[in-house]
C-alpha cells in the first residue's frame, strides 16, 4: 500500500464510521458478535447526546471571550502569556456542565 493510499484511507475513516453508524441506525442491524461495549448503539447514542449538550453549553459560555478588565497592551508578552492564560482558565475552574452523564 502506497503512502498516498494510506493517507487517504486514514483521513477518511471518520467519514466511513459516520456512514456506518447512520446505516446501522437506519436498518436496525447491529453487529453483536464480540462487539466492544463502547461500540454499542446505546453508548454511541449517549455519546452523541452528550456531545450536543457540551456544544450547547459552549454556545453560552465562550471560553475564548476575554474579560473586560484584561486588555492586550505592552505588558502582554510571551513571558507573561502562561500567567495570563492561568488567570483566564481560573474563570472556568469549578464551573459545572449539567446534564452530561
PDB file of N, CA and C in Angstrom:
ATOM      1  N   UNK A   1       0.856  -1.167   0.000  1.00  0.00           N
ATOM      2  CA  UNK A   1       0.000   0.000   0.000  1.00  0.00           C
ATOM      3  C   UNK A   1       0.905   1.233   0.000  1.00  0.00           C
ATOM      4  N   UNK A   2       0.653   2.142  -0.892  1.00  0.00           N
ATOM      5  CA  UNK A   2       1.488   3.340  -1.001  1.00  0.00           C
ATOM      6  C   UNK A   2       1.130   4.337   0.105  1.00  0.00           C
ATOM      7  N   UNK A   3       2.014   5.278   0.342  1.00  0.00           N
ATOM      8  CA  UNK A   3       1.785   6.280   1.375  1.00  0.00           C
ATOM      9  C   UNK A   3       0.562   7.136   1.081  1.00  0.00           C
ATOM     10  N   UNK A   4       0.338   7.449  -0.203  1.00  0.00           N
ATOM     11  CA  UNK A   4      -0.811   8.284  -0.538  1.00  0.00           C
ATOM     12  C   UNK A   4      -2.126   7.541  -0.298  1.00  0.00           C
ATOM     13  N   UNK A   5      -2.158   6.256  -0.613  1.00  0.00           N
ATOM     14  CA  UNK A   5      -3.371   5.456  -0.378  1.00  0.00           C
ATOM     15  C   UNK A   5      -3.624   5.348   1.119  1.00  0.00           C
ATOM     16  N   UNK A   6      -2.576   5.094   1.878  1.00  0.00           N
ATOM     17  CA  UNK A   6      -2.712   5.001   3.329  1.00  0.00           C
ATOM     18  C   UNK A   6      -3.180   6.325   3.926  1.00  0.00           C
ATOM     19  N   UNK A   7      -2.651   7.431   3.427  1.00  0.00           N
ATOM     20  CA  UNK A   7      -3.045   8.744   3.911  1.00  0.00           C
ATOM     21  C   UNK A   7      -4.522   9.017   3.643  1.00  0.00           C
ATOM     22  N   UNK A   8      -4.988   8.690   2.443  1.00  0.00           N
ATOM     23  CA  UNK A   8      -6.401   8.890   2.098  1.00  0.00           C
ATOM     24  C   UNK A   8      -7.279   7.998   2.968  1.00  0.00           C
ATOM     25  N   UNK A   9      -6.851   6.771   3.180  1.00  0.00           N
ATOM     26  CA  UNK A   9      -7.636   5.834   3.987  1.00  0.00           C
ATOM     27  C   UNK A   9      -7.763   6.340   5.416  1.00  0.00           C
ATOM     28  N   UNK A  10      -6.673   6.770   6.003  1.00  0.00           N
ATOM     29  CA  UNK A  10      -6.695   7.244   7.382  1.00  0.00           C
ATOM     30  C   UNK A  10      -7.501   8.533   7.507  1.00  0.00           C
ATOM     31  N   UNK A  11      -7.362   9.439   6.557  1.00  0.00           N
ATOM     32  CA  UNK A  11      -8.055  10.728   6.652  1.00  0.00           C
ATOM     33  C   UNK A  11      -9.556  10.629   6.392  1.00  0.00           C
ATOM     34  N   UNK A  12     -10.034   9.516   5.859  1.00  0.00           N
ATOM     35  CA  UNK A  12     -11.473   9.369   5.597  1.00  0.00           C
ATOM     36  C   UNK A  12     -12.148   8.372   6.533  1.00  0.00           C
ATOM     37  N   UNK A  13     -11.417   7.822   7.490  1.00  0.00           N
ATOM     38  CA  UNK A  13     -12.014   6.824   8.386  1.00  0.00           C
ATOM     39  C   UNK A  13     -13.168   7.390   9.203  1.00  0.00           C
ATOM     40  N   UNK A  14     -13.071   8.634   9.667  1.00  0.00           N
ATOM     41  CA  UNK A  14     -14.155   9.207  10.452  1.00  0.00           C
ATOM     42  C   UNK A  14     -15.429   9.328   9.619  1.00  0.00           C
ATOM     43  N   UNK A  15     -15.290   9.600   8.324  1.00  0.00           N
ATOM     44  CA  UNK A  15     -16.467   9.693   7.465  1.00  0.00           C
ATOM     45  C   UNK A  15     -17.077   8.310   7.257  1.00  0.00           C
ATOM     46  N   UNK A  16     -16.233   7.305   7.098  1.00  0.00           N
ATOM     47  CA  UNK A  16     -16.734   5.932   6.944  1.00  0.00           C
ATOM     48  C   UNK A  16     -17.454   5.488   8.210  1.00  0.00           C
ATOM     49  N   UNK A  17     -16.914   5.848   9.375  1.00  0.00           N
ATOM     50  CA  UNK A  17     -17.549   5.479  10.637  1.00  0.00           C
ATOM     51  C   UNK A  17     -18.908   6.141  10.776  1.00  0.00           C
ATOM     52  N   UNK A  18     -19.018   7.391  10.354  1.00  0.00           N
ATOM     53  CA  UNK A  18     -20.302   8.095  10.430  1.00  0.00           C
ATOM     54  C   UNK A  18     -21.335   7.465   9.506  1.00  0.00           C
ATOM     55  N   UNK A  19     -20.914   7.086   8.316  1.00  0.00           N
ATOM     56  CA  UNK A  19     -21.825   6.423   7.365  1.00  0.00           C
ATOM     57  C   UNK A  19     -22.253   5.075   7.922  1.00  0.00           C
ATOM     58  N   UNK A  20     -21.303   4.326   8.476  1.00  0.00           N
ATOM     59  CA  UNK A  20     -21.627   3.017   9.051  1.00  0.00           C
ATOM     60  C   UNK A  20     -22.626   3.160  10.192  1.00  0.00           C
ATOM     61  N   UNK A  21     -22.419   4.136  11.088  1.00  0.00           N
ATOM     62  CA  UNK A  21     -23.341   4.360  12.193  1.00  0.00           C
ATOM     63  C   UNK A  21     -24.732   4.737  11.693  1.00  0.00           C
ATOM     64  N   UNK A  22     -24.790   5.596  10.674  1.00  0.00           N
ATOM     65  CA  UNK A  22     -26.088   6.018  10.127  1.00  0.00           C
ATOM     66  C   UNK A  22     -26.829   4.837   9.504  1.00  0.00           C
ATOM     67  N   UNK A  23     -26.111   4.019   8.743  1.00  0.00           N
ATOM     68  CA  UNK A  23     -26.756   2.859   8.118  1.00  0.00           C
ATOM     69  C   UNK A  23     -27.183   1.837   9.160  1.00  0.00           C
ATOM     70  N   UNK A  24     -26.386   1.644  10.186  1.00  0.00           N
ATOM     71  CA  UNK A  24     -26.746   0.716  11.245  1.00  0.00           C
ATOM     72  C   UNK A  24     -27.984   1.195  11.978  1.00  0.00           C
ATOM     73  N   UNK A  25     -28.061   2.484  12.248  1.00  0.00           N
ATOM     74  CA  UNK A  25     -29.233   3.048  12.922  1.00  0.00           C
ATOM     75  C   UNK A  25     -30.477   2.954  12.038  1.00  0.00           C
ATOM     76  N   UNK A  26     -30.315   3.204  10.755  1.00  0.00           N
ATOM     77  CA  UNK A  26     -31.435   3.169   9.818  1.00  0.00           C
ATOM     78  C   UNK A  26     -32.000   1.766   9.656  1.00  0.00           C
ATOM     79  N   UNK A  27     -31.121   0.798   9.495  1.00  0.00           N
ATOM     80  CA  UNK A  27     -31.570  -0.568   9.227  1.00  0.00           C
ATOM     81  C   UNK A  27     -31.884  -1.351  10.486  1.00  0.00           C
ATOM     82  N   UNK A  28     -31.345  -0.911  11.619  1.00  0.00           N
ATOM     83  CA  UNK A  28     -31.576  -1.649  12.850  1.00  0.00           C
ATOM     84  C   UNK A  28     -30.725  -2.903  12.955  1.00  0.00           C
ATOM     85  N   UNK A  29     -29.828  -3.103  12.014  1.00  0.00           N
ATOM     86  CA  UNK A  29     -28.954  -4.269  12.040  1.00  0.00           C
ATOM     87  C   UNK A  29     -27.693  -3.919  12.814  1.00  0.00           C
ATOM     88  N   UNK A  30     -27.486  -4.605  13.903  1.00  0.00           N
ATOM     89  CA  UNK A  30     -26.326  -4.339  14.729  1.00  0.00           C
ATOM     90  C   UNK A  30     -25.466  -5.591  14.784  1.00  0.00           C
ATOM     91  N   UNK A  31     -24.193  -5.384  14.611  1.00  0.00           N
ATOM     92  CA  UNK A  31     -23.245  -6.489  14.695  1.00  0.00           C
ATOM     93  C   UNK A  31     -22.979  -6.739  16.171  1.00  0.00           C
ATOM     94  N   UNK A  32     -23.371  -7.894  16.690  1.00  0.00           N
ATOM     95  CA  UNK A  32     -23.283  -8.133  18.126  1.00  0.00           C
ATOM     96  C   UNK A  32     -22.238  -9.174  18.504  1.00  0.00           C
ATOM     97  N   UNK A  33     -21.585  -9.790  17.576  1.00  0.00           N
ATOM     98  CA  UNK A  33     -20.619 -10.825  17.887  1.00  0.00           C
ATOM     99  C   UNK A  33     -19.306 -10.173  18.330  1.00  0.00           C
ATOM    100  N   UNK A  34     -18.916 -10.396  19.570  1.00  0.00           N
ATOM    101  CA  UNK A  34     -17.660  -9.908  20.111  1.00  0.00           C
ATOM    102  C   UNK A  34     -17.510  -8.392  19.924  1.00  0.00           C
ATOM    103  N   UNK A  35     -18.595  -7.682  20.025  1.00  0.00           N
ATOM    104  CA  UNK A  35     -18.549  -6.235  19.847  1.00  0.00           C
ATOM    105  C   UNK A  35     -18.140  -5.570  21.154  1.00  0.00           C
ATOM    106  N   UNK A  36     -17.234  -4.622  21.073  1.00  0.00           N
ATOM    107  CA  UNK A  36     -16.797  -3.898  22.263  1.00  0.00           C
ATOM    108  C   UNK A  36     -17.937  -3.056  22.793  1.00  0.00           C
ATOM    109  N   UNK A  37     -18.027  -2.924  24.098  1.00  0.00           N
ATOM    110  CA  UNK A  37     -19.145  -2.209  24.727  1.00  0.00           C
ATOM    111  C   UNK A  37     -19.237  -0.748  24.276  1.00  0.00           C
ATOM    112  N   UNK A  38     -18.092  -0.124  23.991  1.00  0.00           N
ATOM    113  CA  UNK A  38     -18.111   1.272  23.560  1.00  0.00           C
ATOM    114  C   UNK A  38     -18.652   1.449  22.148  1.00  0.00           C
ATOM    115  N   UNK A  39     -18.818   0.369  21.397  1.00  0.00           N
ATOM    116  CA  UNK A  39     -19.322   0.467  20.038  1.00  0.00           C
ATOM    117  C   UNK A  39     -20.817   0.176  19.944  1.00  0.00           C
ATOM    118  N   UNK A  40     -21.448  -0.080  21.068  1.00  0.00           N
ATOM    119  CA  UNK A  40     -22.875  -0.388  21.072  1.00  0.00           C
ATOM    120  C   UNK A  40     -23.728   0.821  20.731  1.00  0.00           C
ATOM    121  N   UNK A  41     -24.960   0.549  20.323  1.00  0.00           N
ATOM    122  CA  UNK A  41     -25.871   1.615  19.912  1.00  0.00           C
ATOM    123  C   UNK A  41     -26.186   2.560  21.063  1.00  0.00           C
ATOM    124  N   UNK A  42     -26.441   2.022  22.250  1.00  0.00           N
ATOM    125  CA  UNK A  42     -26.811   2.890  23.378  1.00  0.00           C
ATOM    126  C   UNK A  42     -25.647   3.785  23.783  1.00  0.00           C
ATOM    127  N   UNK A  43     -24.428   3.264  23.752  1.00  0.00           N
ATOM    128  CA  UNK A  43     -23.261   4.077  24.130  1.00  0.00           C
ATOM    129  C   UNK A  43     -23.017   5.175  23.102  1.00  0.00           C
ATOM    130  N   UNK A  44     -23.090   4.837  21.820  1.00  0.00           N
ATOM    131  CA  UNK A  44     -22.857   5.858  20.799  1.00  0.00           C
ATOM    132  C   UNK A  44     -23.966   6.899  20.810  1.00  0.00           C
ATOM    133  N   UNK A  45     -25.177   6.466  21.074  1.00  0.00           N
ATOM    134  CA  UNK A  45     -26.291   7.411  21.152  1.00  0.00           C
ATOM    135  C   UNK A  45     -26.099   8.355  22.330  1.00  0.00           C
ATOM    136  N   UNK A  46     -25.706   7.825  23.473  1.00  0.00           N
ATOM    137  CA  UNK A  46     -25.470   8.656  24.645  1.00  0.00           C
ATOM    138  C   UNK A  46     -24.305   9.611  24.403  1.00  0.00           C
ATOM    139  N   UNK A  47     -23.242   9.117  23.755  1.00  0.00           N
ATOM    140  CA  UNK A  47     -22.098   9.974  23.450  1.00  0.00           C
ATOM    141  C   UNK A  47     -22.491  11.131  22.537  1.00  0.00           C
ATOM    142  N   UNK A  48     -23.321  10.848  21.543  1.00  0.00           N
ATOM    143  CA  UNK A  48     -23.775  11.913  20.635  1.00  0.00           C
ATOM    144  C   UNK A  48     -24.616  12.942  21.388  1.00  0.00           C
ATOM    145  N   UNK A  49     -25.500  12.471  22.269  1.00  0.00           N
ATOM    146  CA  UNK A  49     -26.322  13.395  23.059  1.00  0.00           C
ATOM    147  C   UNK A  49     -25.455  14.247  23.983  1.00  0.00           C
ATOM    148  N   UNK A  50     -24.473  13.623  24.611  1.00  0.00           N
ATOM    149  CA  UNK A  50     -23.584  14.378  25.496  1.00  0.00           C
ATOM    150  C   UNK A  50     -22.755  15.387  24.729  1.00  0.00           C
ATOM    151  N   UNK A  51     -22.315  15.032  23.540  1.00  0.00           N
ATOM    152  CA  UNK A  51     -21.550  15.966  22.726  1.00  0.00           C
ATOM    153  C   UNK A  51     -22.402  17.178  22.371  1.00  0.00           C
ATOM    154  N   UNK A  52     -23.676  16.951  22.053  1.00  0.00           N
ATOM    155  CA  UNK A  52     -24.562  18.061  21.731  1.00  0.00           C
ATOM    156  C   UNK A  52     -24.771  18.963  22.946  1.00  0.00           C
ATOM    157  N   UNK A  53     -24.906  18.358  24.142  1.00  0.00           N
ATOM    158  CA  UNK A  53     -25.054  19.156  25.362  1.00  0.00           C
ATOM    159  C   UNK A  53     -23.812  20.007  25.597  1.00  0.00           C
ATOM    160  N   UNK A  54     -22.648  19.427  25.355  1.00  0.00           N
ATOM    161  CA  UNK A  54     -21.402  20.161  25.531  1.00  0.00           C
ATOM    162  C   UNK A  54     -21.299  21.319  24.547  1.00  0.00           C
ATOM    163  N   UNK A  55     -21.660  21.076  23.290  1.00  0.00           N
ATOM    164  CA  UNK A  55     -21.629  22.144  22.283  1.00  0.00           C
ATOM    165  C   UNK A  55     -22.624  23.251  22.628  1.00  0.00           C
ATOM    166  N   UNK A  56     -23.804  22.870  23.129  1.00  0.00           N
ATOM    167  CA  UNK A  56     -24.794  23.866  23.542  1.00  0.00           C
ATOM    168  C   UNK A  56     -24.269  24.700  24.708  1.00  0.00           C
ATOM    169  N   UNK A  57     -23.565  24.047  25.653  1.00  0.00           N
ATOM    170  CA  UNK A  57     -23.007  24.776  26.788  1.00  0.00           C
ATOM    171  C   UNK A  57     -21.954  25.775  26.310  1.00  0.00           C
ATOM    172  N   UNK A  58     -21.100  25.364  25.368  1.00  0.00           N
ATOM    173  CA  UNK A  58     -20.076  26.270  24.862  1.00  0.00           C
ATOM    174  C   UNK A  58     -20.673  27.442  24.082  1.00  0.00           C
ATOM    175  N   UNK A  59     -21.863  27.265  23.508  1.00  0.00           N
ATOM    176  CA  UNK A  59     -22.520  28.390  22.826  1.00  0.00           C
ATOM    177  C   UNK A  59     -22.792  29.532  23.797  1.00  0.00           C
ATOM    178  N   UNK A  60     -23.148  29.209  25.034  1.00  0.00           N
ATOM    179  CA  UNK A  60     -23.447  30.238  26.019  1.00  0.00           C
ATOM    180  C   UNK A  60     -22.283  30.608  26.917  1.00  0.00           C
ATOM    181  N   UNK A  61     -21.209  29.829  26.884  1.00  0.00           N
ATOM    182  CA  UNK A  61     -20.057  30.056  27.763  1.00  0.00           C
ATOM    183  C   UNK A  61     -18.780  30.001  26.927  1.00  0.00           C
ATOM    184  N   UNK A  62     -18.530  31.046  26.187  1.00  0.00           N
ATOM    185  CA  UNK A  62     -17.373  31.077  25.298  1.00  0.00           C
ATOM    186  C   UNK A  62     -16.083  31.158  26.111  1.00  0.00           C
ATOM    187  N   UNK A  63     -15.238  30.101  26.080  1.00  0.00           N
ATOM    188  CA  UNK A  63     -14.008  30.142  26.867  1.00  0.00           C
ATOM    189  C   UNK A  63     -12.962  31.090  26.298  1.00  0.00           C
ATOM    190  N   UNK A  64     -13.157  31.575  25.103  1.00  0.00           N
ATOM    191  CA  UNK A  64     -12.187  32.456  24.478  1.00  0.00           C
ATOM    192  C   UNK A  64     -12.566  33.931  24.593  1.00  0.00           C
ATOM    193  N   UNK A  65     -13.654  34.211  25.263  1.00  0.00           N
ATOM    194  CA  UNK A  65     -14.078  35.593  25.453  1.00  0.00           C
ATOM    195  C   UNK A  65     -13.212  36.209  26.552  1.00  0.00           C
ATOM    196  N   UNK A  66     -12.577  37.302  26.252  1.00  0.00           N
ATOM    197  CA  UNK A  66     -11.690  37.965  27.202  1.00  0.00           C
ATOM    198  C   UNK A  66     -12.510  38.772  28.202  1.00  0.00           C
ATOM    199  N   UNK A  67     -12.143  38.705  29.476  1.00  0.00           N
ATOM    200  CA  UNK A  67     -12.810  39.560  30.462  1.00  0.00           C
ATOM    201  C   UNK A  67     -12.567  41.033  30.133  1.00  0.00           C
ATOM    202  N   UNK A  68     -13.491  41.887  30.563  1.00  0.00           N
ATOM    203  CA  UNK A  68     -13.385  43.319  30.260  1.00  0.00           C
ATOM    204  C   UNK A  68     -12.131  43.949  30.853  1.00  0.00           C
ATOM    205  N   UNK A  69     -11.681  43.434  32.003  1.00  0.00           N
ATOM    206  CA  UNK A  69     -10.526  44.049  32.660  1.00  0.00           C
ATOM    207  C   UNK A  69      -9.194  43.535  32.127  1.00  0.00           C
ATOM    208  N   UNK A  70      -9.228  42.630  31.171  1.00  0.00           N
ATOM    209  CA  UNK A  70      -7.981  42.099  30.628  1.00  0.00           C
ATOM    210  C   UNK A  70      -7.867  42.500  29.165  1.00  0.00           C
ATOM    211  N   UNK A  71      -7.035  43.474  28.921  1.00  0.00           N
ATOM    212  CA  UNK A  71      -6.867  44.019  27.582  1.00  0.00           C
ATOM    213  C   UNK A  71      -5.411  43.849  27.183  1.00  0.00           C
ATOM    214  N   UNK A  72      -5.197  43.475  25.970  1.00  0.00           N
ATOM    215  CA  UNK A  72      -3.823  43.342  25.489  1.00  0.00           C
ATOM    216  C   UNK A  72      -3.176  44.718  25.412  1.00  0.00           C
ATOM    217  N   UNK A  73      -1.982  44.782  25.941  1.00  0.00           N
ATOM    218  CA  UNK A  73      -1.210  46.019  25.883  1.00  0.00           C
ATOM    219  C   UNK A  73       0.264  45.663  25.882  1.00  0.00           C
ATOM    220  N   UNK A  74       1.103  46.649  26.135  1.00  0.00           N
ATOM    221  CA  UNK A  74       2.547  46.393  26.071  1.00  0.00           C
ATOM    222  C   UNK A  74       3.038  45.467  27.176  1.00  0.00           C
ATOM    223  N   UNK A  75       2.233  45.240  28.224  1.00  0.00           N
ATOM    224  CA  UNK A  75       2.634  44.339  29.303  1.00  0.00           C
ATOM    225  C   UNK A  75       2.425  42.873  28.941  1.00  0.00           C
ATOM    226  N   UNK A  76       1.643  42.606  27.911  1.00  0.00           N
ATOM    227  CA  UNK A  76       1.388  41.236  27.491  1.00  0.00           C
ATOM    228  C   UNK A  76       2.492  40.815  26.525  1.00  0.00           C
ATOM    229  N   UNK A  77       3.297  39.881  26.985  1.00  0.00           N
ATOM    230  CA  UNK A  77       4.416  39.382  26.183  1.00  0.00           C
ATOM    231  C   UNK A  77       4.417  37.862  26.232  1.00  0.00           C
ATOM    232  N   UNK A  78       5.332  37.262  25.505  1.00  0.00           N
ATOM    233  CA  UNK A  78       5.431  35.808  25.542  1.00  0.00           C
ATOM    234  C   UNK A  78       5.847  35.326  26.926  1.00  0.00           C
ATOM    235  N   UNK A  79       6.489  36.187  27.711  1.00  0.00           N
ATOM    236  CA  UNK A  79       6.893  35.814  29.059  1.00  0.00           C
ATOM    237  C   UNK A  79       5.719  35.792  30.033  1.00  0.00           C
ATOM    238  N   UNK A  80       4.698  36.591  29.798  1.00  0.00           N
ATOM    239  CA  UNK A  80       3.548  36.644  30.696  1.00  0.00           C
ATOM    240  C   UNK A  80       2.357  35.850  30.171  1.00  0.00           C
ATOM    241  N   UNK A  81       2.491  35.241  29.008  1.00  0.00           N
ATOM    242  CA  UNK A  81       1.360  34.552  28.386  1.00  0.00           C
ATOM    243  C   UNK A  81       0.855  33.400  29.246  1.00  0.00           C
ATOM    244  N   UNK A  82       1.754  32.634  29.834  1.00  0.00           N
ATOM    245  CA  UNK A  82       1.331  31.491  30.646  1.00  0.00           C
ATOM    246  C   UNK A  82       0.567  31.957  31.888  1.00  0.00           C
ATOM    247  N   UNK A  83       1.064  32.995  32.525  1.00  0.00           N
ATOM    248  CA  UNK A  83       0.391  33.525  33.713  1.00  0.00           C
ATOM    249  C   UNK A  83      -0.996  34.068  33.366  1.00  0.00           C
ATOM    250  N   UNK A  84      -1.089  34.805  32.267  1.00  0.00           N
ATOM    251  CA  UNK A  84      -2.392  35.338  31.846  1.00  0.00           C
ATOM    252  C   UNK A  84      -3.342  34.211  31.452  1.00  0.00           C
ATOM    253  N   UNK A  85      -2.816  33.173  30.806  1.00  0.00           N
ATOM    254  CA  UNK A  85      -3.643  32.020  30.459  1.00  0.00           C
ATOM    255  C   UNK A  85      -4.198  31.334  31.690  1.00  0.00           C
ATOM    256  N   UNK A  86      -3.376  31.244  32.751  1.00  0.00           N
ATOM    257  CA  UNK A  86      -3.837  30.645  34.006  1.00  0.00           C
ATOM    258  C   UNK A  86      -4.951  31.473  34.624  1.00  0.00           C
ATOM    259  N   UNK A  87      -4.820  32.795  34.541  1.00  0.00           N
ATOM    260  CA  UNK A  87      -5.870  33.675  35.081  1.00  0.00           C
ATOM    261  C   UNK A  87      -7.179  33.477  34.303  1.00  0.00           C
ATOM    262  N   UNK A  88      -7.070  33.412  32.995  1.00  0.00           N
ATOM    263  CA  UNK A  88      -8.264  33.190  32.175  1.00  0.00           C
ATOM    264  C   UNK A  88      -8.874  31.830  32.482  1.00  0.00           C
ATOM    265  N   UNK A  89      -8.026  30.821  32.665  1.00  0.00           N
ATOM    266  CA  UNK A  89      -8.508  29.465  32.943  1.00  0.00           C
ATOM    267  C   UNK A  89      -9.218  29.390  34.289  1.00  0.00           C
ATOM    268  N   UNK A  90      -8.826  30.231  35.247  1.00  0.00           N
ATOM    269  CA  UNK A  90      -9.475  30.234  36.556  1.00  0.00           C
ATOM    270  C   UNK A  90     -10.953  30.592  36.455  1.00  0.00           C
ATOM    271  N   UNK A  91     -11.319  31.318  35.428  1.00  0.00           N
ATOM    272  CA  UNK A  91     -12.734  31.658  35.237  1.00  0.00           C
ATOM    273  C   UNK A  91     -13.576  30.413  34.972  1.00  0.00           C
ATOM    274  N   UNK A  92     -12.963  29.356  34.437  1.00  0.00           N
ATOM    275  CA  UNK A  92     -13.695  28.130  34.155  1.00  0.00           C
ATOM    276  C   UNK A  92     -13.574  27.102  35.270  1.00  0.00           C
ATOM    277  N   UNK A  93     -12.649  27.295  36.220  1.00  0.00           N
ATOM    278  CA  UNK A  93     -12.496  26.363  37.328  1.00  0.00           C
ATOM    279  C   UNK A  93     -13.763  26.332  38.164  1.00  0.00           C
ATOM    280  N   UNK A  94     -14.218  25.129  38.450  1.00  0.00           N
ATOM    281  CA  UNK A  94     -15.396  24.966  39.289  1.00  0.00           C
ATOM    282  C   UNK A  94     -16.711  25.112  38.548  1.00  0.00           C
ATOM    283  N   UNK A  95     -16.680  25.466  37.280  1.00  0.00           N
ATOM    284  CA  UNK A  95     -17.912  25.583  36.504  1.00  0.00           C
ATOM    285  C   UNK A  95     -18.387  24.174  36.146  1.00  0.00           C
ATOM    286  N   UNK A  96     -19.617  23.879  36.488  1.00  0.00           N
ATOM    287  CA  UNK A  96     -20.153  22.549  36.232  1.00  0.00           C
ATOM    288  C   UNK A  96     -20.998  22.566  34.964  1.00  0.00           C
ATOM    289  N   UNK A  97     -20.846  21.510  34.183  1.00  0.00           N
ATOM    290  CA  UNK A  97     -21.656  21.332  32.982  1.00  0.00           C
ATOM    291  C   UNK A  97     -22.737  20.324  33.341  1.00  0.00           C
ATOM    292  N   UNK A  98     -23.928  20.796  33.521  1.00  0.00           N
ATOM    293  CA  UNK A  98     -25.022  19.930  33.983  1.00  0.00           C
ATOM    294  C   UNK A  98     -25.620  19.152  32.830  1.00  0.00           C
ATOM    295  N   UNK A  99     -26.078  17.963  33.151  1.00  0.00           N
ATOM    296  CA  UNK A  99     -26.782  17.137  32.180  1.00  0.00           C
ATOM    297  C   UNK A  99     -25.908  16.177  31.419  1.00  0.00           C
ATOM    298  N   UNK A 100     -24.600  16.197  31.646  1.00  0.00           N
ATOM    299  CA  UNK A 100     -23.720  15.254  30.942  1.00  0.00           C
ATOM    300  C   UNK A 100     -23.505  14.060  31.847  1.00  0.00           C
ATOM    301  N   UNK A 101     -23.769  12.890  31.315  1.00  0.00           N
ATOM    302  CA  UNK A 101     -23.663  11.651  32.091  1.00  0.00           C
ATOM    303  C   UNK A 101     -22.244  11.182  32.174  1.00  0.00           C
TER     304      UNK A 101
END
